[in-house]
Amino acid sequence: MGFDKEIEIDVGRWGRTILQKWWLLVVTTLCGFGIAFLVMHSIPSEYTARAVICSDANMDYEEAAEILYYLQEYAAIGGQSIAERACLLLGEGTITADEIAKMVSYGYEAGKITMAVEATSENSQLAIDVANAVAESFVIEAQSMTRSDSYRVLVKASIEDSGVSETVICVLGALAGLLIPMIIIVIKQMMSDKIYYVSDADLGGKLEIIGIIPEQAKL
């Protein structure tokens, strides 16, 4: 048509058109679910285990926090001896000290007397074992360097919740596969030049309609 048709909102017509394309919606929903499932299984899962070390308040709080800060810096920058000790705690042949050093990170907030030891691995049990071994190794190293027994493992390692489950991702993929074609169908209906209403033919009242020929059944 050579004119801009005013968009009519007809939910019923949109619904009927969507129902006519039910097979397409089923296919795209299954495709969305399948794609999400394949993506989730093609990306290796990583698990992060977290243990917490505490500096007992036998000394001044600020002094304990400051010493823990410097110990954390030592562990993060040059803590090869911590990794080697953790390797011995885990048992020879389990994992190398270099691999442990790459897996581990330390989390410390200024002014606190607790520090987190985190180990990340595709093997959840290995992540837990390494985090615990490094935490114990750190405590031994800290006590040796400070000549104090004011350090201990406060919380044993456990796997942190990743926040989003595989089921949720697959459901979201299926919803995307369902909603995207529905939106496309509705937009095509809104932008269609076909005449569905009398107002579509009179240019919004600019033309006078003489009469309407009713639809006749085929003989």
N, C-alpha and C. Protein backbone atom coordinates (compact mmCIF):
# COMPACT_ATOMS: atom_id res chain seq x y z
N MET A 1 0.84 -1.19 0.00
CA MET A 1 0.00 0.00 0.00
C MET A 1 0.87 1.24 0.00
N GLY A 2 0.34 2.32 -0.50
CA GLY A 2 1.08 3.56 -0.58
C GLY A 2 0.80 4.49 0.56
N PHE A 3 0.31 4.01 1.66
CA PHE A 3 0.03 4.87 2.81
C PHE A 3 0.45 4.15 4.09
N ASP A 4 0.63 4.96 5.12
CA ASP A 4 1.00 4.40 6.42
C ASP A 4 -0.25 3.96 7.15
N LYS A 5 -0.34 2.66 7.40
CA LYS A 5 -1.52 2.14 8.09
C LYS A 5 -1.37 2.33 9.59
N GLU A 6 -2.42 2.81 10.21
CA GLU A 6 -2.40 2.95 11.67
C GLU A 6 -2.40 1.57 12.30
N ILE A 7 -1.50 1.38 13.26
CA ILE A 7 -1.36 0.07 13.89
C ILE A 7 -2.53 -0.19 14.83
N GLU A 8 -3.23 -1.28 14.59
CA GLU A 8 -4.34 -1.68 15.44
C GLU A 8 -3.87 -2.79 16.38
N ILE A 9 -4.25 -2.67 17.63
CA ILE A 9 -3.90 -3.70 18.61
C ILE A 9 -5.03 -4.71 18.66
N ASP A 10 -4.74 -5.90 18.15
CA ASP A 10 -5.73 -6.97 18.14
C ASP A 10 -5.06 -8.21 18.74
N VAL A 11 -5.17 -8.33 20.04
CA VAL A 11 -4.53 -9.44 20.74
C VAL A 11 -5.07 -10.78 20.26
N GLY A 12 -6.36 -10.82 19.98
CA GLY A 12 -6.97 -12.06 19.51
C GLY A 12 -6.37 -12.51 18.20
N ARG A 13 -6.18 -11.58 17.25
CA ARG A 13 -5.59 -11.94 15.96
C ARG A 13 -4.16 -12.39 16.13
N TRP A 14 -3.42 -11.69 17.01
CA TRP A 14 -2.03 -12.10 17.27
C TRP A 14 -2.00 -13.51 17.86
N GLY A 15 -2.93 -13.77 18.78
CA GLY A 15 -2.97 -15.10 19.41
C GLY A 15 -3.27 -16.19 18.41
N ARG A 16 -4.22 -15.91 17.50
CA ARG A 16 -4.57 -16.92 16.50
C ARG A 16 -3.40 -17.19 15.56
N THR A 17 -2.68 -16.13 15.20
CA THR A 17 -1.52 -16.30 14.31
C THR A 17 -0.43 -17.10 15.00
N ILE A 18 -0.21 -16.81 16.28
CA ILE A 18 0.81 -17.55 17.05
C ILE A 18 0.44 -19.01 17.16
N LEU A 19 -0.85 -19.30 17.40
CA LEU A 19 -1.29 -20.69 17.51
C LEU A 19 -1.12 -21.43 16.19
N GLN A 20 -1.32 -20.72 15.08
CA GLN A 20 -1.13 -21.36 13.78
C GLN A 20 0.32 -21.76 13.54
N LYS A 21 1.25 -21.08 14.23
CA LYS A 21 2.68 -21.37 14.10
C LYS A 21 3.19 -22.20 15.28
N TRP A 22 2.33 -22.98 15.90
CA TRP A 22 2.72 -23.72 17.10
C TRP A 22 3.93 -24.62 16.85
N TRP A 23 3.98 -25.23 15.67
CA TRP A 23 5.08 -26.13 15.34
C TRP A 23 6.41 -25.40 15.33
N LEU A 24 6.40 -24.13 14.84
CA LEU A 24 7.61 -23.33 14.82
C LEU A 24 8.07 -23.01 16.24
N LEU A 25 7.09 -22.70 17.12
CA LEU A 25 7.42 -22.37 18.51
C LEU A 25 8.01 -23.58 19.23
N VAL A 26 7.46 -24.76 18.94
CA VAL A 26 7.99 -25.98 19.56
C VAL A 26 9.43 -26.21 19.13
N VAL A 27 9.70 -26.04 17.83
CA VAL A 27 11.05 -26.27 17.30
C VAL A 27 12.04 -25.27 17.89
N THR A 28 11.68 -23.98 17.92
CA THR A 28 12.61 -22.96 18.43
C THR A 28 12.83 -23.10 19.95
N THR A 29 11.78 -23.53 20.66
CA THR A 29 11.94 -23.76 22.10
C THR A 29 12.93 -24.88 22.37
N LEU A 30 12.78 -25.99 21.64
CA LEU A 30 13.70 -27.11 21.79
C LEU A 30 15.11 -26.73 21.37
N CYS A 31 15.22 -25.92 20.31
CA CYS A 31 16.54 -25.47 19.86
C CYS A 31 17.20 -24.59 20.93
N GLY A 32 16.42 -23.68 21.53
CA GLY A 32 16.95 -22.82 22.58
C GLY A 32 17.45 -23.62 23.77
N PHE A 33 16.65 -24.63 24.16
CA PHE A 33 17.05 -25.50 25.27
C PHE A 33 18.31 -26.27 24.92
N GLY A 34 18.34 -26.81 23.69
CA GLY A 34 19.50 -27.60 23.27
C GLY A 34 20.77 -26.78 23.20
N ILE A 35 20.67 -25.57 22.67
CA ILE A 35 21.85 -24.70 22.58
C ILE A 35 22.39 -24.36 23.96
N ALA A 36 21.47 -24.01 24.89
CA ALA A 36 21.90 -23.69 26.26
C ALA A 36 22.55 -24.90 26.92
N PHE A 37 21.98 -26.08 26.69
CA PHE A 37 22.53 -27.31 27.28
C PHE A 37 23.93 -27.58 26.74
N LEU A 38 24.11 -27.43 25.41
CA LEU A 38 25.42 -27.69 24.81
C LEU A 38 26.46 -26.68 25.27
N VAL A 39 26.05 -25.41 25.38
CA VAL A 39 26.98 -24.38 25.83
C VAL A 39 27.44 -24.66 27.26
N MET A 40 26.48 -25.05 28.13
CA MET A 40 26.82 -25.33 29.52
C MET A 40 27.79 -26.50 29.63
N HIS A 41 27.67 -27.50 28.74
CA HIS A 41 28.53 -28.67 28.82
C HIS A 41 29.81 -28.53 28.01
N SER A 42 29.88 -27.53 27.15
CA SER A 42 31.11 -27.32 26.38
C SER A 42 32.10 -26.45 27.14
N ILE A 43 31.59 -25.66 28.11
CA ILE A 43 32.46 -24.82 28.93
C ILE A 43 32.81 -25.59 30.20
N PRO A 44 34.09 -25.85 30.45
CA PRO A 44 34.47 -26.60 31.66
C PRO A 44 34.02 -25.87 32.92
N SER A 45 33.43 -26.62 33.85
CA SER A 45 32.99 -26.04 35.11
C SER A 45 34.19 -25.81 36.02
N GLU A 46 34.20 -24.69 36.71
CA GLU A 46 35.25 -24.39 37.66
C GLU A 46 34.64 -24.22 39.04
N TYR A 47 35.30 -24.80 40.01
CA TYR A 47 34.84 -24.73 41.40
C TYR A 47 35.86 -23.96 42.23
N THR A 48 35.34 -23.11 43.11
CA THR A 48 36.20 -22.34 43.99
C THR A 48 35.92 -22.73 45.43
N ALA A 49 36.94 -23.24 46.10
CA ALA A 49 36.84 -23.59 47.51
C ALA A 49 37.46 -22.47 48.34
N ARG A 50 36.85 -22.17 49.48
CA ARG A 50 37.28 -21.03 50.29
C ARG A 50 37.46 -21.45 51.75
N ALA A 51 38.66 -21.23 52.26
CA ALA A 51 38.96 -21.44 53.67
C ALA A 51 39.29 -20.09 54.30
N VAL A 52 39.10 -19.98 55.60
CA VAL A 52 39.33 -18.70 56.27
C VAL A 52 40.35 -18.88 57.39
N ILE A 53 41.35 -17.98 57.40
CA ILE A 53 42.40 -17.98 58.43
C ILE A 53 42.13 -16.81 59.37
N CYS A 54 42.39 -17.02 60.65
CA CYS A 54 42.13 -15.99 61.65
C CYS A 54 43.39 -15.73 62.47
N SER A 55 43.59 -14.46 62.79
CA SER A 55 44.64 -14.08 63.72
C SER A 55 43.98 -13.84 65.07
N ASP A 56 44.23 -14.73 66.03
CA ASP A 56 43.61 -14.59 67.35
C ASP A 56 44.01 -13.27 67.99
N ALA A 57 43.05 -12.69 68.72
CA ALA A 57 43.27 -11.36 69.30
C ALA A 57 44.03 -11.43 70.62
N ASN A 58 45.12 -12.23 70.65
CA ASN A 58 45.97 -12.23 71.84
C ASN A 58 46.83 -10.98 71.88
N MET A 59 47.02 -10.40 70.70
CA MET A 59 47.79 -9.17 70.60
C MET A 59 46.84 -8.02 70.30
N ASP A 60 47.37 -6.84 70.20
CA ASP A 60 46.58 -5.67 69.86
C ASP A 60 45.90 -5.89 68.50
N TYR A 61 44.62 -5.50 68.40
CA TYR A 61 43.83 -5.76 67.19
C TYR A 61 44.49 -5.13 65.97
N GLU A 62 44.87 -3.86 66.06
CA GLU A 62 45.47 -3.18 64.91
C GLU A 62 46.79 -3.82 64.53
N GLU A 63 47.56 -4.23 65.52
CA GLU A 63 48.84 -4.88 65.25
C GLU A 63 48.62 -6.22 64.57
N ALA A 64 47.61 -6.99 65.04
CA ALA A 64 47.31 -8.29 64.44
C ALA A 64 46.87 -8.12 62.99
N ALA A 65 46.04 -7.10 62.73
CA ALA A 65 45.57 -6.84 61.37
C ALA A 65 46.72 -6.44 60.46
N GLU A 66 47.64 -5.64 60.96
CA GLU A 66 48.77 -5.18 60.15
C GLU A 66 49.70 -6.35 59.82
N ILE A 67 49.99 -7.19 60.82
CA ILE A 67 50.85 -8.35 60.58
C ILE A 67 50.22 -9.29 59.57
N LEU A 68 48.90 -9.51 59.68
CA LEU A 68 48.20 -10.39 58.73
C LEU A 68 48.27 -9.83 57.32
N TYR A 69 48.20 -8.50 57.22
CA TYR A 69 48.30 -7.85 55.91
C TYR A 69 49.65 -8.15 55.27
N TYR A 70 50.73 -7.98 56.02
CA TYR A 70 52.06 -8.23 55.48
C TYR A 70 52.28 -9.71 55.16
N LEU A 71 51.70 -10.59 55.97
CA LEU A 71 51.79 -12.01 55.69
C LEU A 71 51.06 -12.36 54.39
N GLN A 72 49.91 -11.72 54.17
CA GLN A 72 49.16 -11.95 52.94
C GLN A 72 49.96 -11.47 51.73
N GLU A 73 50.61 -10.32 51.85
CA GLU A 73 51.45 -9.81 50.77
C GLU A 73 52.59 -10.79 50.49
N TYR A 74 53.18 -11.30 51.54
CA TYR A 74 54.27 -12.27 51.39
C TYR A 74 53.78 -13.53 50.68
N ALA A 75 52.61 -14.01 51.08
CA ALA A 75 52.07 -15.23 50.49
C ALA A 75 51.72 -15.03 49.03
N ALA A 76 51.15 -13.88 48.68
CA ALA A 76 50.71 -13.62 47.31
C ALA A 76 51.88 -13.39 46.37
N ILE A 77 52.94 -12.75 46.88
CA ILE A 77 54.06 -12.38 46.01
C ILE A 77 55.14 -13.47 45.98
N GLY A 78 55.53 -13.95 47.13
CA GLY A 78 56.65 -14.90 47.15
C GLY A 78 56.38 -16.10 48.00
N GLY A 79 55.16 -16.59 48.01
CA GLY A 79 54.80 -17.69 48.90
C GLY A 79 55.05 -19.06 48.31
N GLN A 80 56.18 -19.24 47.61
CA GLN A 80 56.48 -20.55 47.05
C GLN A 80 56.64 -21.60 48.15
N SER A 81 57.20 -21.16 49.27
CA SER A 81 57.39 -22.11 50.38
C SER A 81 56.05 -22.58 50.93
N ILE A 82 55.04 -21.72 50.89
CA ILE A 82 53.69 -22.11 51.34
C ILE A 82 53.13 -23.18 50.40
N ALA A 83 53.31 -22.97 49.10
CA ALA A 83 52.83 -23.94 48.12
C ALA A 83 53.57 -25.27 48.26
N GLU A 84 54.87 -25.21 48.51
CA GLU A 84 55.65 -26.43 48.67
C GLU A 84 55.23 -27.20 49.92
N ARG A 85 54.97 -26.46 51.01
CA ARG A 85 54.53 -27.12 52.23
C ARG A 85 53.14 -27.74 52.02
N ALA A 86 52.25 -27.01 51.31
CA ALA A 86 50.91 -27.55 51.02
C ALA A 86 51.01 -28.80 50.18
N CYS A 87 51.97 -28.81 49.25
CA CYS A 87 52.19 -29.99 48.40
C CYS A 87 52.56 -31.20 49.26
N LEU A 88 53.39 -31.00 50.27
CA LEU A 88 53.78 -32.08 51.17
C LEU A 88 52.58 -32.56 52.00
N LEU A 89 51.75 -31.61 52.43
CA LEU A 89 50.57 -31.97 53.22
C LEU A 89 49.58 -32.81 52.41
N LEU A 90 49.50 -32.53 51.12
CA LEU A 90 48.58 -33.27 50.25
C LEU A 90 49.13 -34.65 49.90
N GLY A 91 50.41 -34.79 49.94
CA GLY A 91 51.01 -36.07 49.58
C GLY A 91 51.74 -35.98 48.26
N GLU A 92 52.89 -36.56 48.20
CA GLU A 92 53.71 -36.51 46.99
C GLU A 92 52.99 -37.17 45.82
N GLY A 93 53.03 -36.50 44.68
CA GLY A 93 52.41 -37.03 43.47
C GLY A 93 50.98 -36.57 43.25
N THR A 94 50.38 -35.94 44.26
CA THR A 94 49.00 -35.46 44.11
C THR A 94 48.94 -34.26 43.18
N ILE A 95 49.80 -33.28 43.43
CA ILE A 95 49.84 -32.05 42.65
C ILE A 95 51.16 -31.36 42.94
N THR A 96 51.66 -30.58 42.00
CA THR A 96 52.95 -29.91 42.21
C THR A 96 52.75 -28.57 42.90
N ALA A 97 53.84 -28.06 43.46
CA ALA A 97 53.79 -26.76 44.14
C ALA A 97 53.45 -25.64 43.16
N ASP A 98 53.97 -25.72 41.94
CA ASP A 98 53.69 -24.69 40.93
C ASP A 98 52.20 -24.68 40.57
N GLU A 99 51.60 -25.87 40.46
CA GLU A 99 50.17 -25.95 40.15
C GLU A 99 49.34 -25.38 41.29
N ILE A 100 49.77 -25.65 42.52
CA ILE A 100 49.07 -25.09 43.68
C ILE A 100 49.13 -23.57 43.66
N ALA A 101 50.31 -23.02 43.38
CA ALA A 101 50.48 -21.56 43.36
C ALA A 101 49.58 -20.90 42.33
N LYS A 102 49.35 -21.58 41.19
CA LYS A 102 48.49 -21.03 40.15
C LYS A 102 47.01 -21.10 40.53
N MET A 103 46.65 -22.09 41.35
CA MET A 103 45.25 -22.29 41.73
C MET A 103 44.79 -21.36 42.84
N VAL A 104 45.74 -20.86 43.64
CA VAL A 104 45.39 -20.21 44.90
C VAL A 104 45.43 -18.68 44.79
N SER A 105 44.49 -18.06 45.48
CA SER A 105 44.51 -16.60 45.65
C SER A 105 44.14 -16.29 47.09
N TYR A 106 44.54 -15.09 47.54
CA TYR A 106 44.30 -14.69 48.92
C TYR A 106 43.42 -13.45 48.94
N GLY A 107 42.45 -13.45 49.85
CA GLY A 107 41.56 -12.29 49.97
C GLY A 107 41.65 -11.69 51.36
N TYR A 108 42.07 -10.43 51.41
CA TYR A 108 42.22 -9.78 52.71
C TYR A 108 41.66 -8.36 52.63
N GLU A 109 40.89 -7.97 53.62
CA GLU A 109 40.36 -6.61 53.70
C GLU A 109 41.12 -5.86 54.78
N ALA A 110 41.54 -4.65 54.45
CA ALA A 110 42.34 -3.85 55.37
C ALA A 110 41.64 -3.71 56.72
N GLY A 111 42.42 -3.88 57.78
CA GLY A 111 41.88 -3.71 59.12
C GLY A 111 41.21 -4.93 59.70
N LYS A 112 41.17 -6.03 58.94
CA LYS A 112 40.53 -7.26 59.42
C LYS A 112 41.58 -8.22 59.97
N ILE A 113 41.14 -9.13 60.85
CA ILE A 113 42.05 -10.15 61.38
C ILE A 113 41.69 -11.53 60.82
N THR A 114 40.96 -11.53 59.71
CA THR A 114 40.68 -12.78 59.00
C THR A 114 41.10 -12.63 57.55
N MET A 115 41.44 -13.72 56.93
CA MET A 115 41.88 -13.72 55.54
C MET A 115 41.37 -14.98 54.85
N ALA A 116 40.95 -14.85 53.62
CA ALA A 116 40.42 -15.99 52.86
C ALA A 116 41.51 -16.59 51.98
N VAL A 117 41.49 -17.90 51.89
CA VAL A 117 42.35 -18.62 50.95
C VAL A 117 41.42 -19.33 49.98
N GLU A 118 41.55 -19.01 48.69
CA GLU A 118 40.66 -19.58 47.68
C GLU A 118 41.47 -20.40 46.68
N ALA A 119 40.95 -21.58 46.36
CA ALA A 119 41.57 -22.45 45.35
C ALA A 119 40.52 -22.78 44.29
N THR A 120 40.90 -22.62 43.03
CA THR A 120 39.97 -22.84 41.92
C THR A 120 40.46 -23.99 41.05
N SER A 121 39.54 -24.91 40.74
CA SER A 121 39.89 -26.07 39.92
C SER A 121 38.63 -26.63 39.27
N GLU A 122 38.83 -27.40 38.19
CA GLU A 122 37.71 -28.09 37.56
C GLU A 122 37.28 -29.30 38.39
N ASN A 123 38.13 -29.70 39.32
CA ASN A 123 37.84 -30.81 40.23
C ASN A 123 37.46 -30.21 41.59
N SER A 124 36.21 -30.38 42.01
CA SER A 124 35.74 -29.73 43.23
C SER A 124 36.48 -30.24 44.47
N GLN A 125 36.73 -31.55 44.55
CA GLN A 125 37.41 -32.10 45.72
C GLN A 125 38.85 -31.62 45.79
N LEU A 126 39.50 -31.52 44.63
CA LEU A 126 40.87 -31.03 44.61
C LEU A 126 40.93 -29.58 45.08
N ALA A 127 39.94 -28.78 44.66
CA ALA A 127 39.90 -27.38 45.10
C ALA A 127 39.78 -27.29 46.63
N ILE A 128 38.94 -28.14 47.21
CA ILE A 128 38.76 -28.16 48.67
C ILE A 128 40.06 -28.59 49.36
N ASP A 129 40.66 -29.67 48.86
CA ASP A 129 41.89 -30.18 49.47
C ASP A 129 43.02 -29.16 49.40
N VAL A 130 43.16 -28.51 48.27
CA VAL A 130 44.23 -27.52 48.11
C VAL A 130 44.00 -26.31 49.01
N ALA A 131 42.76 -25.84 49.07
CA ALA A 131 42.47 -24.68 49.93
C ALA A 131 42.78 -24.99 51.39
N ASN A 132 42.40 -26.18 51.85
CA ASN A 132 42.69 -26.57 53.24
C ASN A 132 44.19 -26.71 53.48
N ALA A 133 44.90 -27.34 52.53
CA ALA A 133 46.33 -27.53 52.68
C ALA A 133 47.08 -26.21 52.70
N VAL A 134 46.69 -25.29 51.82
CA VAL A 134 47.35 -23.98 51.77
C VAL A 134 47.05 -23.19 53.05
N ALA A 135 45.81 -23.28 53.54
CA ALA A 135 45.45 -22.59 54.78
C ALA A 135 46.30 -23.10 55.95
N GLU A 136 46.44 -24.42 56.05
CA GLU A 136 47.26 -24.99 57.12
C GLU A 136 48.73 -24.60 56.94
N SER A 137 49.19 -24.62 55.70
CA SER A 137 50.57 -24.25 55.41
C SER A 137 50.82 -22.79 55.76
N PHE A 138 49.85 -21.94 55.46
CA PHE A 138 49.99 -20.52 55.77
C PHE A 138 50.10 -20.30 57.28
N VAL A 139 49.26 -21.01 58.03
CA VAL A 139 49.28 -20.88 59.49
C VAL A 139 50.65 -21.28 60.04
N ILE A 140 51.19 -22.41 59.54
CA ILE A 140 52.50 -22.87 59.98
C ILE A 140 53.57 -21.84 59.65
N GLU A 141 53.50 -21.29 58.41
CA GLU A 141 54.47 -20.29 57.97
C GLU A 141 54.35 -19.01 58.80
N ALA A 142 53.14 -18.59 59.07
CA ALA A 142 52.92 -17.36 59.85
C ALA A 142 53.44 -17.52 61.28
N GLN A 143 53.17 -18.67 61.87
CA GLN A 143 53.65 -18.90 63.23
C GLN A 143 55.18 -18.95 63.28
N SER A 144 55.78 -19.50 62.22
CA SER A 144 57.24 -19.57 62.16
C SER A 144 57.86 -18.19 62.00
N MET A 145 57.27 -17.36 61.14
CA MET A 145 57.83 -16.04 60.86
C MET A 145 57.63 -15.08 62.02
N THR A 146 56.47 -15.16 62.68
CA THR A 146 56.16 -14.21 63.75
C THR A 146 56.51 -14.76 65.14
N ARG A 147 56.87 -16.04 65.18
CA ARG A 147 57.17 -16.70 66.45
C ARG A 147 55.99 -16.54 67.42
N SER A 148 54.81 -16.76 66.86
CA SER A 148 53.59 -16.63 67.64
C SER A 148 52.61 -17.71 67.20
N ASP A 149 51.82 -18.19 68.13
CA ASP A 149 50.80 -19.19 67.80
C ASP A 149 49.42 -18.55 67.69
N SER A 150 49.41 -17.28 67.29
CA SER A 150 48.15 -16.52 67.22
C SER A 150 47.38 -16.73 65.92
N TYR A 151 47.80 -17.68 65.09
CA TYR A 151 47.14 -17.88 63.80
C TYR A 151 46.56 -19.29 63.74
N ARG A 152 45.37 -19.41 63.16
CA ARG A 152 44.71 -20.71 63.05
C ARG A 152 43.72 -20.69 61.89
N VAL A 153 43.33 -21.87 61.47
CA VAL A 153 42.31 -21.99 60.42
C VAL A 153 40.95 -21.85 61.10
N LEU A 154 40.24 -20.79 60.76
CA LEU A 154 38.95 -20.51 61.39
C LEU A 154 37.83 -21.32 60.75
N VAL A 155 37.83 -21.40 59.41
CA VAL A 155 36.78 -22.11 58.67
C VAL A 155 37.44 -23.02 57.64
N LYS A 156 37.11 -24.31 57.71
CA LYS A 156 37.61 -25.25 56.71
C LYS A 156 37.01 -24.95 55.34
N ALA A 157 37.70 -25.37 54.31
CA ALA A 157 37.30 -25.05 52.94
C ALA A 157 35.99 -25.73 52.55
N SER A 158 35.22 -25.02 51.76
CA SER A 158 33.99 -25.56 51.17
C SER A 158 33.79 -24.88 49.82
N ILE A 159 33.01 -25.52 48.97
CA ILE A 159 32.78 -24.97 47.63
C ILE A 159 31.79 -23.82 47.72
N GLU A 160 32.15 -22.69 47.10
CA GLU A 160 31.25 -21.54 47.06
C GLU A 160 30.19 -21.76 45.99
N ASP A 161 28.97 -21.33 46.29
CA ASP A 161 27.87 -21.45 45.34
C ASP A 161 28.12 -20.54 44.15
N SER A 162 28.03 -21.10 42.93
CA SER A 162 28.26 -20.29 41.72
C SER A 162 27.13 -19.33 41.44
N GLY A 163 25.95 -19.55 42.07
CA GLY A 163 24.85 -18.60 41.93
C GLY A 163 23.82 -18.97 40.87
N VAL A 164 24.23 -19.53 39.72
CA VAL A 164 23.30 -19.87 38.64
C VAL A 164 23.46 -21.35 38.32
N SER A 165 22.39 -22.11 38.39
CA SER A 165 22.45 -23.54 38.14
C SER A 165 22.30 -23.83 36.65
N GLU A 166 22.70 -25.04 36.27
CA GLU A 166 22.59 -25.47 34.88
C GLU A 166 21.12 -25.50 34.45
N THR A 167 20.23 -25.91 35.36
CA THR A 167 18.80 -25.98 35.04
C THR A 167 18.25 -24.61 34.69
N VAL A 168 18.64 -23.60 35.46
CA VAL A 168 18.17 -22.23 35.21
C VAL A 168 18.62 -21.76 33.83
N ILE A 169 19.88 -22.02 33.47
CA ILE A 169 20.39 -21.60 32.17
C ILE A 169 19.62 -22.28 31.04
N CYS A 170 19.35 -23.57 31.19
CA CYS A 170 18.62 -24.30 30.14
C CYS A 170 17.18 -23.79 30.01
N VAL A 171 16.54 -23.49 31.14
CA VAL A 171 15.18 -22.95 31.11
C VAL A 171 15.16 -21.58 30.44
N LEU A 172 16.15 -20.76 30.74
CA LEU A 172 16.23 -19.44 30.11
C LEU A 172 16.46 -19.57 28.60
N GLY A 173 17.26 -20.56 28.19
CA GLY A 173 17.45 -20.81 26.75
C GLY A 173 16.16 -21.22 26.07
N ALA A 174 15.38 -22.08 26.75
CA ALA A 174 14.09 -22.51 26.19
C ALA A 174 13.13 -21.33 26.09
N LEU A 175 13.09 -20.47 27.11
CA LEU A 175 12.21 -19.29 27.08
C LEU A 175 12.59 -18.36 25.95
N ALA A 176 13.91 -18.18 25.75
CA ALA A 176 14.36 -17.32 24.64
C ALA A 176 13.92 -17.91 23.31
N GLY A 177 14.04 -19.25 23.18
CA GLY A 177 13.60 -19.90 21.94
C GLY A 177 12.12 -19.78 21.71
N LEU A 178 11.32 -19.65 22.78
CA LEU A 178 9.88 -19.50 22.67
C LEU A 178 9.48 -18.05 22.38
N LEU A 179 10.09 -17.12 23.12
CA LEU A 179 9.66 -15.72 23.05
C LEU A 179 10.13 -14.99 21.79
N ILE A 180 11.34 -15.28 21.33
CA ILE A 180 11.88 -14.56 20.17
C ILE A 180 11.00 -14.72 18.94
N PRO A 181 10.61 -15.96 18.54
CA PRO A 181 9.72 -16.07 17.36
C PRO A 181 8.35 -15.47 17.61
N MET A 182 7.84 -15.53 18.87
CA MET A 182 6.55 -14.92 19.16
C MET A 182 6.61 -13.41 18.94
N ILE A 183 7.69 -12.79 19.38
CA ILE A 183 7.86 -11.34 19.19
C ILE A 183 7.94 -11.00 17.70
N ILE A 184 8.68 -11.82 16.95
CA ILE A 184 8.81 -11.59 15.51
C ILE A 184 7.44 -11.71 14.83
N ILE A 185 6.64 -12.71 15.22
CA ILE A 185 5.30 -12.89 14.64
C ILE A 185 4.43 -11.68 14.92
N VAL A 186 4.45 -11.19 16.16
CA VAL A 186 3.63 -10.03 16.53
C VAL A 186 4.06 -8.79 15.77
N ILE A 187 5.37 -8.58 15.64
CA ILE A 187 5.87 -7.40 14.92
C ILE A 187 5.46 -7.47 13.45
N LYS A 188 5.56 -8.66 12.85
CA LYS A 188 5.14 -8.81 11.45
C LYS A 188 3.66 -8.51 11.29
N GLN A 189 2.84 -8.91 12.25
CA GLN A 189 1.41 -8.61 12.20
C GLN A 189 1.16 -7.11 12.33
N MET A 190 1.90 -6.46 13.21
CA MET A 190 1.73 -5.02 13.42
C MET A 190 2.13 -4.23 12.18
N MET A 191 3.17 -4.70 11.47
CA MET A 191 3.68 -3.96 10.31
C MET A 191 3.05 -4.43 9.00
N SER A 192 2.11 -5.39 9.06
CA SER A 192 1.50 -5.93 7.85
C SER A 192 0.65 -4.88 7.13
N ASP A 193 0.65 -4.93 5.79
CA ASP A 193 -0.16 -4.01 4.98
C ASP A 193 -1.53 -4.60 4.64
N LYS A 194 -1.82 -5.78 5.14
CA LYS A 194 -3.12 -6.37 4.87
C LYS A 194 -4.22 -5.60 5.61
N ILE A 195 -5.42 -5.58 5.01
CA ILE A 195 -6.55 -4.87 5.59
C ILE A 195 -7.34 -5.83 6.48
N TYR A 196 -7.36 -5.52 7.76
CA TYR A 196 -8.09 -6.34 8.72
C TYR A 196 -9.33 -5.61 9.24
N TYR A 197 -9.32 -4.26 9.17
CA TYR A 197 -10.41 -3.45 9.70
C TYR A 197 -10.87 -2.48 8.61
N VAL A 198 -12.10 -2.00 8.75
CA VAL A 198 -12.60 -0.98 7.82
C VAL A 198 -11.74 0.27 7.90
N SER A 199 -11.27 0.58 9.10
CA SER A 199 -10.44 1.78 9.28
C SER A 199 -9.11 1.67 8.55
N ASP A 200 -8.69 0.43 8.22
CA ASP A 200 -7.46 0.26 7.47
C ASP A 200 -7.63 0.78 6.04
N ALA A 201 -8.86 0.75 5.52
CA ALA A 201 -9.09 1.15 4.14
C ALA A 201 -9.50 2.60 3.98
N ASP A 202 -9.94 3.27 5.06
CA ASP A 202 -10.41 4.65 4.90
C ASP A 202 -9.36 5.68 5.29
N LEU A 203 -8.09 5.22 5.45
CA LEU A 203 -7.00 6.13 5.78
C LEU A 203 -7.30 6.94 7.03
N GLY A 204 -7.83 6.26 8.02
CA GLY A 204 -8.10 6.96 9.28
C GLY A 204 -9.19 7.99 9.16
N GLY A 205 -10.17 7.74 8.29
CA GLY A 205 -11.29 8.67 8.14
C GLY A 205 -11.12 9.66 7.00
N LYS A 206 -10.03 9.58 6.25
CA LYS A 206 -9.78 10.52 5.16
C LYS A 206 -10.56 10.14 3.90
N LEU A 207 -10.91 8.86 3.77
CA LEU A 207 -11.69 8.41 2.63
C LEU A 207 -13.06 7.92 3.10
N GLU A 208 -14.07 8.13 2.26
CA GLU A 208 -15.42 7.68 2.61
C GLU A 208 -15.65 6.29 2.04
N ILE A 209 -16.12 5.38 2.88
CA ILE A 209 -16.41 4.02 2.46
C ILE A 209 -17.86 3.95 2.00
N ILE A 210 -18.06 3.57 0.75
CA ILE A 210 -19.41 3.49 0.21
C ILE A 210 -20.12 2.24 0.70
N GLY A 211 -19.42 1.14 0.73
CA GLY A 211 -20.04 -0.10 1.18
C GLY A 211 -19.00 -1.18 1.37
N ILE A 212 -19.45 -2.28 1.94
CA ILE A 212 -18.54 -3.38 2.22
C ILE A 212 -19.14 -4.64 1.58
N ILE A 213 -18.36 -5.35 0.81
CA ILE A 213 -18.80 -6.60 0.22
C ILE A 213 -18.52 -7.70 1.21
N PRO A 214 -19.54 -8.38 1.71
CA PRO A 214 -19.30 -9.44 2.69
C PRO A 214 -18.63 -10.64 2.07
N GLU A 215 -17.94 -11.39 2.90
CA GLU A 215 -17.27 -12.61 2.43
C GLU A 215 -18.33 -13.68 2.15
N GLN A 216 -18.25 -14.29 0.98
CA GLN A 216 -19.22 -15.29 0.57
C GLN A 216 -18.56 -16.68 0.57
N ALA A 217 -19.35 -17.65 0.99
CA ALA A 217 -18.86 -19.03 0.96
C ALA A 217 -18.76 -19.50 -0.48
N LYS A 218 -17.75 -20.30 -0.75
CA LYS A 218 -17.59 -20.83 -2.10
C LYS A 218 -18.73 -21.81 -2.42
N LEU A 219 -19.27 -21.70 -3.67
CA LEU A 219 -20.34 -22.59 -4.12
C LEU A 219 -19.77 -23.92 -4.58
